[in-house]
Amino acid sequence: MLMDPNSKLVIEDIESFEIYLPNFKKICYDSNEVDVSLALFSANSYDEMRKLTANPKDFVVFDIDQQKIFERQLLHEMDTTKLGILISLHTGLRIGEICALTWENVDIIKKVIYVRTTIARVKDNSCSGTKTKLIIDAPKTKSSKRDIPISSFLLPILTTMKSSAISPYVISESPTFIQPRTYEYRYHKLLDSCGLESINYHSLRHTFATRCIEAGVDVKSLSEILGHSNVSITLNTYVHSSMELKRTQLEKLTKHCI
């Protein structure tokens, strides 16, 4: 049975199967979803999706020096745009999740961020043709609905920003949410201002996972923080063995040298 052409394929689907589809002529990433039309997608099931798998994507992450440069820029004259980027960099939130995050789901007392919503693109039934619209939706998978502890680094920043918030949405200054495309544009402008390579917003998530592994965070905890359905997805899709980590691991052998 063919997929419903009105359904949405989100990043979680791709993470789950680590798929790279070289025969796609066009894949449209918008927030945390991939809107794939039947004209471009002929797989009849997830099993067939897996057959199309080539190699997992070679994700780009910030190295430690680049992250420090970027964080200094984010912490200078903090605003809502910088705040959201900082949250993603230290929690692994996807762009759709950070755009949909409300202050109601940031518990300063319990020190927890509750991920309960994301931005989804759906067909606009009020219009004819293929027009779509953005809505606030529940996370597609059970594991994506999660509670993330707020670190001692983020807590004072979130406390200050929440006390002066004028919008129900964490990264907005109006009653409505910011569209992911708009937010990613602002993110790239900040990267440019730091003289850093322009890499996509999702790389913040990859960077977070990589830093966690480098710091010795256990993979099970990391998997739950990222909202993955199982640990293997975290290991195979997001955990990138950086040169610093490889060097540290190899140095462990030196104690056996003469």
C-alpha atoms as a PDB file:
ATOM      1  CA  MET A   1       0.000   0.000   0.000  1.00  0.00           C
ATOM      2  CA  LEU A   2       1.357   3.376  -1.008  1.00  0.00           C
ATOM      3  CA  MET A   3       1.977   6.056   1.564  1.00  0.00           C
ATOM      4  CA  ASP A   4      -0.734   8.647   2.010  1.00  0.00           C
ATOM      5  CA  PRO A   5       0.365  11.614  -0.140  1.00  0.00           C
ATOM      6  CA  ASN A   6      -0.948  13.955   2.552  1.00  0.00           C
ATOM      7  CA  SER A   7       1.161  12.391   5.288  1.00  0.00           C
ATOM      8  CA  LYS A   8       4.396  13.957   6.444  1.00  0.00           C
ATOM      9  CA  LEU A   9       7.746  12.255   6.689  1.00  0.00           C
ATOM     10  CA  VAL A  10       9.642  13.797   9.566  1.00  0.00           C
ATOM     11  CA  ILE A  11      13.295  13.768  10.509  1.00  0.00           C
ATOM     12  CA  GLU A  12      12.608  11.011  13.051  1.00  0.00           C
ATOM     13  CA  ASP A  13      11.770   8.690  10.140  1.00  0.00           C
ATOM     14  CA  ILE A  14      15.081   9.371   8.485  1.00  0.00           C
ATOM     15  CA  GLU A  15      16.962   9.046  11.760  1.00  0.00           C
ATOM     16  CA  SER A  16      15.282   5.715  12.418  1.00  0.00           C
ATOM     17  CA  PHE A  17      16.416   4.208   9.150  1.00  0.00           C
ATOM     18  CA  GLU A  18      19.550   6.275   8.565  1.00  0.00           C
ATOM     19  CA  ILE A  19      18.427   6.726   5.012  1.00  0.00           C
ATOM     20  CA  TYR A  20      20.037   8.598   2.238  1.00  0.00           C
ATOM     21  CA  LEU A  21      18.012   8.573  -0.948  1.00  0.00           C
ATOM     22  CA  PRO A  22      20.320   9.308  -3.890  1.00  0.00           C
ATOM     23  CA  ASN A  23      17.573   8.785  -6.468  1.00  0.00           C
ATOM     24  CA  PHE A  24      15.456  11.636  -5.146  1.00  0.00           C
ATOM     25  CA  LYS A  25      15.435  14.590  -7.512  1.00  0.00           C
ATOM     26  CA  LYS A  26      14.094  16.812  -4.788  1.00  0.00           C
ATOM     27  CA  ILE A  27      13.706  16.565  -1.035  1.00  0.00           C
ATOM     28  CA  CYS A  28      12.272  19.556   0.758  1.00  0.00           C
ATOM     29  CA  TYR A  29      13.388  20.007   4.364  1.00  0.00           C
ATOM     30  CA  ASP A  30      11.145  22.344   6.312  1.00  0.00           C
ATOM     31  CA  SER A  31      11.533  22.634  10.068  1.00  0.00           C
ATOM     32  CA  ASN A  32      11.886  19.051  11.297  1.00  0.00           C
ATOM     33  CA  GLU A  33       9.989  17.463   8.464  1.00  0.00           C
ATOM     34  CA  VAL A  34      10.553  16.286   4.936  1.00  0.00           C
ATOM     35  CA  ASP A  35       7.566  16.823   2.680  1.00  0.00           C
ATOM     36  CA  VAL A  36       7.825  14.084   0.052  1.00  0.00           C
ATOM     37  CA  SER A  37       5.369  13.813  -2.804  1.00  0.00           C
ATOM     38  CA  LEU A  38       4.420  10.500  -4.370  1.00  0.00           C
ATOM     39  CA  ALA A  39       5.821  11.756  -7.650  1.00  0.00           C
ATOM     40  CA  LEU A  40       9.265  11.609  -6.083  1.00  0.00           C
ATOM     41  CA  PHE A  41       8.810   8.776  -3.613  1.00  0.00           C
ATOM     42  CA  SER A  42       7.869   5.298  -4.815  1.00  0.00           C
ATOM     43  CA  ALA A  43       8.685   3.124  -1.795  1.00  0.00           C
ATOM     44  CA  ASN A  44       5.676   1.127  -0.625  1.00  0.00           C
ATOM     45  CA  SER A  45       6.839   0.547   2.915  1.00  0.00           C
ATOM     46  CA  TYR A  46       9.579   1.233   5.404  1.00  0.00           C
ATOM     47  CA  ASP A  47      11.206  -2.008   4.297  1.00  0.00           C
ATOM     48  CA  GLU A  48      11.525  -0.576   0.809  1.00  0.00           C
ATOM     49  CA  MET A  49      12.833   2.664   2.261  1.00  0.00           C
ATOM     50  CA  ARG A  50      15.586   0.658   3.890  1.00  0.00           C
ATOM     51  CA  LYS A  51      16.516  -0.893   0.536  1.00  0.00           C
ATOM     52  CA  LEU A  52      17.169   2.598  -0.799  1.00  0.00           C
ATOM     53  CA  THR A  53      19.678   3.234   1.954  1.00  0.00           C
ATOM     54  CA  ALA A  54      23.166   4.089   0.882  1.00  0.00           C
ATOM     55  CA  ASN A  55      25.680   5.276   3.449  1.00  0.00           C
ATOM     56  CA  PRO A  56      24.542   7.285   6.487  1.00  0.00           C
ATOM     57  CA  LYS A  57      24.914  11.013   5.997  1.00  0.00           C
ATOM     58  CA  ASP A  58      28.281  12.464   6.823  1.00  0.00           C
ATOM     59  CA  PHE A  59      27.008  15.014   9.306  1.00  0.00           C
ATOM     60  CA  VAL A  60      28.902  18.196  10.082  1.00  0.00           C
ATOM     61  CA  VAL A  61      29.504  19.274  13.669  1.00  0.00           C
ATOM     62  CA  PHE A  62      31.202  22.239  15.289  1.00  0.00           C
ATOM     63  CA  ASP A  63      34.595  21.459  16.717  1.00  0.00           C
ATOM     64  CA  ILE A  64      35.245  22.686  20.244  1.00  0.00           C
ATOM     65  CA  ASP A  65      36.964  25.898  19.158  1.00  0.00           C
ATOM     66  CA  GLN A  66      34.151  26.762  16.738  1.00  0.00           C
ATOM     67  CA  GLN A  67      31.558  26.067  19.412  1.00  0.00           C
ATOM     68  CA  LYS A  68      33.308  28.397  21.858  1.00  0.00           C
ATOM     69  CA  ILE A  69      33.439  31.175  19.250  1.00  0.00           C
ATOM     70  CA  PHE A  70      29.750  30.740  18.492  1.00  0.00           C
ATOM     71  CA  GLU A  71      28.723  30.558  22.147  1.00  0.00           C
ATOM     72  CA  ARG A  72      30.562  33.787  22.942  1.00  0.00           C
ATOM     73  CA  GLN A  73      28.529  35.481  20.219  1.00  0.00           C
ATOM     74  CA  LEU A  74      25.293  33.955  21.538  1.00  0.00           C
ATOM     75  CA  LEU A  75      25.956  35.064  25.113  1.00  0.00           C
ATOM     76  CA  HIS A  76      26.784  38.629  24.061  1.00  0.00           C
ATOM     77  CA  GLU A  77      23.642  40.767  24.299  1.00  0.00           C
ATOM     78  CA  MET A  78      21.310  37.796  24.640  1.00  0.00           C
ATOM     79  CA  ASP A  79      18.002  37.899  22.775  1.00  0.00           C
ATOM     80  CA  THR A  80      15.308  35.368  21.899  1.00  0.00           C
ATOM     81  CA  THR A  81      16.997  34.280  18.662  1.00  0.00           C
ATOM     82  CA  LYS A  82      20.288  33.590  20.407  1.00  0.00           C
ATOM     83  CA  LEU A  83      18.483  31.902  23.279  1.00  0.00           C
ATOM     84  CA  GLY A  84      16.853  29.284  21.056  1.00  0.00           C
ATOM     85  CA  ILE A  85      20.135  28.458  19.343  1.00  0.00           C
ATOM     86  CA  LEU A  86      21.837  28.090  22.709  1.00  0.00           C
ATOM     87  CA  ILE A  87      19.062  25.791  23.928  1.00  0.00           C
ATOM     88  CA  SER A  88      19.394  23.566  20.851  1.00  0.00           C
ATOM     89  CA  LEU A  89      23.165  23.489  21.238  1.00  0.00           C
ATOM     90  CA  HIS A  90      22.824  22.313  24.841  1.00  0.00           C
ATOM     91  CA  THR A  91      19.778  20.041  24.620  1.00  0.00           C
ATOM     92  CA  GLY A  92      19.671  18.749  21.046  1.00  0.00           C
ATOM     93  CA  LEU A  93      16.228  20.195  20.308  1.00  0.00           C
ATOM     94  CA  ARG A  94      15.251  20.135  16.644  1.00  0.00           C
ATOM     95  CA  ILE A  95      14.368  23.386  14.927  1.00  0.00           C
ATOM     96  CA  GLY A  96      10.661  22.502  14.827  1.00  0.00           C
ATOM     97  CA  GLU A  97      10.742  21.741  18.538  1.00  0.00           C
ATOM     98  CA  ILE A  98      12.506  24.966  19.517  1.00  0.00           C
ATOM     99  CA  CYS A  99      10.135  27.048  17.360  1.00  0.00           C
ATOM    100  CA  ALA A 100       7.138  25.428  19.072  1.00  0.00           C
ATOM    101  CA  LEU A 101       8.579  25.543  22.605  1.00  0.00           C
ATOM    102  CA  THR A 102       6.530  27.649  25.022  1.00  0.00           C
ATOM    103  CA  TRP A 103       7.570  29.110  28.352  1.00  0.00           C
ATOM    104  CA  GLU A 104       4.814  27.012  29.906  1.00  0.00           C
ATOM    105  CA  ASN A 105       6.950  23.969  29.111  1.00  0.00           C
ATOM    106  CA  VAL A 106      10.107  25.428  30.645  1.00  0.00           C
ATOM    107  CA  ASP A 107       9.936  24.635  34.351  1.00  0.00           C
ATOM    108  CA  ILE A 108      12.511  26.742  36.153  1.00  0.00           C
ATOM    109  CA  ILE A 109      11.650  25.277  39.576  1.00  0.00           C
ATOM    110  CA  LYS A 110      11.977  21.621  38.535  1.00  0.00           C
ATOM    111  CA  LYS A 111      14.749  22.486  36.049  1.00  0.00           C
ATOM    112  CA  VAL A 112      13.108  20.619  33.176  1.00  0.00           C
ATOM    113  CA  ILE A 113      12.190  21.390  29.562  1.00  0.00           C
ATOM    114  CA  TYR A 114       9.103  19.453  28.484  1.00  0.00           C
ATOM    115  CA  VAL A 115       9.110  18.673  24.754  1.00  0.00           C
ATOM    116  CA  ARG A 116       5.425  18.358  23.930  1.00  0.00           C
ATOM    117  CA  THR A 117       5.036  20.163  20.610  1.00  0.00           C
ATOM    118  CA  THR A 118       6.722  20.694  17.281  1.00  0.00           C
ATOM    119  CA  ILE A 119       6.025  22.566  14.049  1.00  0.00           C
ATOM    120  CA  ALA A 120       4.491  20.398  11.331  1.00  0.00           C
ATOM    121  CA  ARG A 121       3.594  21.164   7.728  1.00  0.00           C
ATOM    122  CA  VAL A 122       0.250  19.750   6.665  1.00  0.00           C
ATOM    123  CA  LYS A 123      -2.010  20.086   3.662  1.00  0.00           C
ATOM    124  CA  ASP A 124      -4.192  23.170   3.781  1.00  0.00           C
ATOM    125  CA  ASN A 125      -7.664  21.768   3.151  1.00  0.00           C
ATOM    126  CA  SER A 126      -9.085  25.275   2.860  1.00  0.00           C
ATOM    127  CA  CYS A 127      -7.245  25.679  -0.444  1.00  0.00           C
ATOM    128  CA  SER A 128      -7.244  23.656  -3.617  1.00  0.00           C
ATOM    129  CA  GLY A 129      -4.135  22.072  -5.037  1.00  0.00           C
ATOM    130  CA  THR A 130      -1.029  21.248  -3.045  1.00  0.00           C
ATOM    131  CA  LYS A 131      -0.848  24.237  -0.696  1.00  0.00           C
ATOM    132  CA  THR A 132       0.308  23.528   2.829  1.00  0.00           C
ATOM    133  CA  LYS A 133       0.394  25.320   6.157  1.00  0.00           C
ATOM    134  CA  LEU A 134       2.405  25.196   9.359  1.00  0.00           C
ATOM    135  CA  ILE A 135       0.729  24.122  12.586  1.00  0.00           C
ATOM    136  CA  ILE A 136       1.675  23.355  16.169  1.00  0.00           C
ATOM    137  CA  ASP A 137       1.479  19.581  16.490  1.00  0.00           C
ATOM    138  CA  ALA A 138       2.371  16.866  18.960  1.00  0.00           C
ATOM    139  CA  PRO A 139       5.673  15.053  18.320  1.00  0.00           C
ATOM    140  CA  LYS A 140       5.146  12.239  15.849  1.00  0.00           C
ATOM    141  CA  THR A 141       6.781   9.518  17.931  1.00  0.00           C
ATOM    142  CA  LYS A 142       6.313   8.558  21.576  1.00  0.00           C
ATOM    143  CA  SER A 143      10.035   8.884  22.235  1.00  0.00           C
ATOM    144  CA  SER A 144      10.087  12.445  20.860  1.00  0.00           C
ATOM    145  CA  LYS A 145       7.773  13.471  23.689  1.00  0.00           C
ATOM    146  CA  ARG A 146      10.376  13.813  26.406  1.00  0.00           C
ATOM    147  CA  ASP A 147      11.603  15.672  29.476  1.00  0.00           C
ATOM    148  CA  ILE A 148      15.065  17.234  29.276  1.00  0.00           C
ATOM    149  CA  PRO A 149      16.920  18.371  32.409  1.00  0.00           C
ATOM    150  CA  ILE A 150      18.045  21.998  32.352  1.00  0.00           C
ATOM    151  CA  SER A 151      21.782  22.240  32.974  1.00  0.00           C
ATOM    152  CA  SER A 152      23.353  24.614  35.488  1.00  0.00           C
ATOM    153  CA  PHE A 153      24.718  26.519  32.479  1.00  0.00           C
ATOM    154  CA  LEU A 154      21.302  27.124  30.914  1.00  0.00           C
ATOM    155  CA  LEU A 155      19.280  27.627  34.097  1.00  0.00           C
ATOM    156  CA  PRO A 156      20.265  31.232  34.959  1.00  0.00           C
ATOM    157  CA  ILE A 157      19.934  32.253  31.302  1.00  0.00           C
ATOM    158  CA  LEU A 158      16.459  30.745  31.005  1.00  0.00           C
ATOM    159  CA  THR A 159      15.443  32.229  34.352  1.00  0.00           C
ATOM    160  CA  THR A 160      16.400  35.732  33.250  1.00  0.00           C
ATOM    161  CA  MET A 161      14.813  35.436  29.806  1.00  0.00           C
ATOM    162  CA  LYS A 162      11.577  33.933  31.141  1.00  0.00           C
ATOM    163  CA  SER A 163      11.169  36.774  33.634  1.00  0.00           C
ATOM    164  CA  SER A 164      11.163  39.320  30.801  1.00  0.00           C
ATOM    165  CA  ALA A 165       9.331  37.273  28.139  1.00  0.00           C
ATOM    166  CA  ILE A 166       6.584  39.020  26.178  1.00  0.00           C
ATOM    167  CA  SER A 167       5.486  36.007  24.128  1.00  0.00           C
ATOM    168  CA  PRO A 168       4.228  32.571  25.126  1.00  0.00           C
ATOM    169  CA  TYR A 169       6.841  31.167  22.716  1.00  0.00           C
ATOM    170  CA  VAL A 170      10.432  31.011  23.938  1.00  0.00           C
ATOM    171  CA  ILE A 171      12.069  32.326  20.761  1.00  0.00           C
ATOM    172  CA  SER A 172       9.332  34.718  19.672  1.00  0.00           C
ATOM    173  CA  GLU A 173       8.516  38.298  20.570  1.00  0.00           C
ATOM    174  CA  SER A 174       4.972  38.123  19.244  1.00  0.00           C
ATOM    175  CA  PRO A 175       1.874  36.066  20.136  1.00  0.00           C
ATOM    176  CA  THR A 176       2.631  33.579  17.350  1.00  0.00           C
ATOM    177  CA  PHE A 177       5.471  31.149  16.728  1.00  0.00           C
ATOM    178  CA  ILE A 178       8.384  31.883  14.410  1.00  0.00           C
ATOM    179  CA  GLN A 179       8.478  29.836  11.232  1.00  0.00           C
ATOM    180  CA  PRO A 180      11.458  27.458  11.052  1.00  0.00           C
ATOM    181  CA  ARG A 181      12.648  28.917   7.735  1.00  0.00           C
ATOM    182  CA  THR A 182      12.720  32.388   9.252  1.00  0.00           C
ATOM    183  CA  TYR A 183      14.545  31.133  12.315  1.00  0.00           C
ATOM    184  CA  GLU A 184      17.137  29.221  10.311  1.00  0.00           C
ATOM    185  CA  TYR A 185      17.788  32.386   8.292  1.00  0.00           C
ATOM    186  CA  ARG A 186      18.511  34.271  11.521  1.00  0.00           C
ATOM    187  CA  TYR A 187      20.759  31.426  12.654  1.00  0.00           C
ATOM    188  CA  HIS A 188      22.828  31.646   9.458  1.00  0.00           C
ATOM    189  CA  LYS A 189      23.180  35.413   9.875  1.00  0.00           C
ATOM    190  CA  LEU A 190      24.669  34.826  13.337  1.00  0.00           C
ATOM    191  CA  LEU A 191      27.070  32.247  11.927  1.00  0.00           C
ATOM    192  CA  ASP A 192      28.187  34.749   9.302  1.00  0.00           C
ATOM    193  CA  SER A 193      28.755  37.407  11.954  1.00  0.00           C
ATOM    194  CA  CYS A 194      31.195  35.022  13.673  1.00  0.00           C
ATOM    195  CA  GLY A 195      33.000  34.142  10.457  1.00  0.00           C
ATOM    196  CA  LEU A 196      31.964  30.505  10.842  1.00  0.00           C
ATOM    197  CA  GLU A 197      31.102  28.066   8.076  1.00  0.00           C
ATOM    198  CA  SER A 198      27.410  28.076   7.191  1.00  0.00           C
ATOM    199  CA  ILE A 199      26.097  24.684   8.308  1.00  0.00           C
ATOM    200  CA  ASN A 200      22.452  23.779   8.788  1.00  0.00           C
ATOM    201  CA  TYR A 201      20.579  24.179  12.051  1.00  0.00           C
ATOM    202  CA  HIS A 202      20.310  20.446  12.592  1.00  0.00           C
ATOM    203  CA  SER A 203      24.097  20.386  13.049  1.00  0.00           C
ATOM    204  CA  LEU A 204      23.514  21.912  16.486  1.00  0.00           C
ATOM    205  CA  ARG A 205      21.828  18.650  17.422  1.00  0.00           C
ATOM    206  CA  HIS A 206      24.713  16.611  16.013  1.00  0.00           C
ATOM    207  CA  THR A 207      27.174  18.807  17.885  1.00  0.00           C
ATOM    208  CA  PHE A 208      25.285  18.363  21.158  1.00  0.00           C
ATOM    209  CA  ALA A 209      25.321  14.573  20.810  1.00  0.00           C
ATOM    210  CA  THR A 210      29.010  14.553  19.945  1.00  0.00           C
ATOM    211  CA  ARG A 211      29.960  16.753  22.922  1.00  0.00           C
ATOM    212  CA  CYS A 212      27.933  14.488  25.223  1.00  0.00           C
ATOM    213  CA  ILE A 213      29.798  11.383  24.086  1.00  0.00           C
ATOM    214  CA  GLU A 214      33.124  13.197  24.414  1.00  0.00           C
ATOM    215  CA  ALA A 215      32.156  14.147  27.978  1.00  0.00           C
ATOM    216  CA  GLY A 216      31.321  10.547  28.841  1.00  0.00           C
ATOM    217  CA  VAL A 217      27.520  10.836  28.947  1.00  0.00           C
ATOM    218  CA  ASP A 218      26.082   7.329  28.803  1.00  0.00           C
ATOM    219  CA  VAL A 219      24.436   6.547  25.471  1.00  0.00           C
ATOM    220  CA  LYS A 220      21.132   5.411  26.993  1.00  0.00           C
ATOM    221  CA  SER A 221      20.603   8.769  28.711  1.00  0.00           C
ATOM    222  CA  LEU A 222      21.670  10.638  25.584  1.00  0.00           C
ATOM    223  CA  SER A 223      19.289   8.595  23.459  1.00  0.00           C
ATOM    224  CA  GLU A 224      16.363   9.572  25.696  1.00  0.00           C
ATOM    225  CA  ILE A 225      17.389  13.242  25.721  1.00  0.00           C
ATOM    226  CA  LEU A 226      17.492  13.249  21.921  1.00  0.00           C
ATOM    227  CA  GLY A 227      14.140  11.463  21.716  1.00  0.00           C
ATOM    228  CA  HIS A 228      15.377   8.395  19.866  1.00  0.00           C
ATOM    229  CA  SER A 229      13.398   5.180  20.032  1.00  0.00           C
ATOM    230  CA  ASN A 230      16.489   3.067  20.674  1.00  0.00           C
ATOM    231  CA  VAL A 231      20.156   3.445  21.491  1.00  0.00           C
ATOM    232  CA  SER A 232      21.420   2.168  18.135  1.00  0.00           C
ATOM    233  CA  ILE A 233      19.924   5.190  16.371  1.00  0.00           C
ATOM    234  CA  THR A 234      21.947   7.469  18.639  1.00  0.00           C
ATOM    235  CA  LEU A 235      25.152   5.553  18.015  1.00  0.00           C
ATOM    236  CA  ASN A 236      24.750   5.130  14.259  1.00  0.00           C
ATOM    237  CA  THR A 237      23.190   8.436  13.307  1.00  0.00           C
ATOM    238  CA  TYR A 238      24.323  11.158  15.688  1.00  0.00           C
ATOM    239  CA  VAL A 239      27.433  10.110  17.537  1.00  0.00           C
ATOM    240  CA  HIS A 240      30.427  11.211  15.500  1.00  0.00           C
ATOM    241  CA  SER A 241      33.876  10.195  16.591  1.00  0.00           C
ATOM    242  CA  SER A 242      35.759  13.472  16.358  1.00  0.00           C
ATOM    243  CA  MET A 243      39.528  13.706  16.039  1.00  0.00           C
ATOM    244  CA  GLU A 244      39.726  14.824  19.678  1.00  0.00           C
ATOM    245  CA  LEU A 245      37.805  11.737  20.805  1.00  0.00           C
ATOM    246  CA  LYS A 246      39.846   9.388  18.623  1.00  0.00           C
ATOM    247  CA  ARG A 247      43.057  10.859  19.989  1.00  0.00           C
ATOM    248  CA  THR A 248      41.835  10.446  23.584  1.00  0.00           C
ATOM    249  CA  GLN A 249      40.908   6.826  22.962  1.00  0.00           C
ATOM    250  CA  LEU A 250      44.232   5.989  21.327  1.00  0.00           C
ATOM    251  CA  GLU A 251      46.143   7.656  24.131  1.00  0.00           C
ATOM    252  CA  LYS A 252      44.714   5.015  26.460  1.00  0.00           C
ATOM    253  CA  LEU A 253      47.039   2.548  24.748  1.00  0.00           C
ATOM    254  CA  THR A 254      50.138   4.472  25.742  1.00  0.00           C
ATOM    255  CA  LYS A 255      50.026   3.110  29.275  1.00  0.00           C
ATOM    256  CA  HIS A 256      50.919  -0.278  27.799  1.00  0.00           C
ATOM    257  CA  CYS A 257      53.940   1.092  25.937  1.00  0.00           C
ATOM    258  CA  ILE A 258      57.446   0.369  27.156  1.00  0.00           C
END
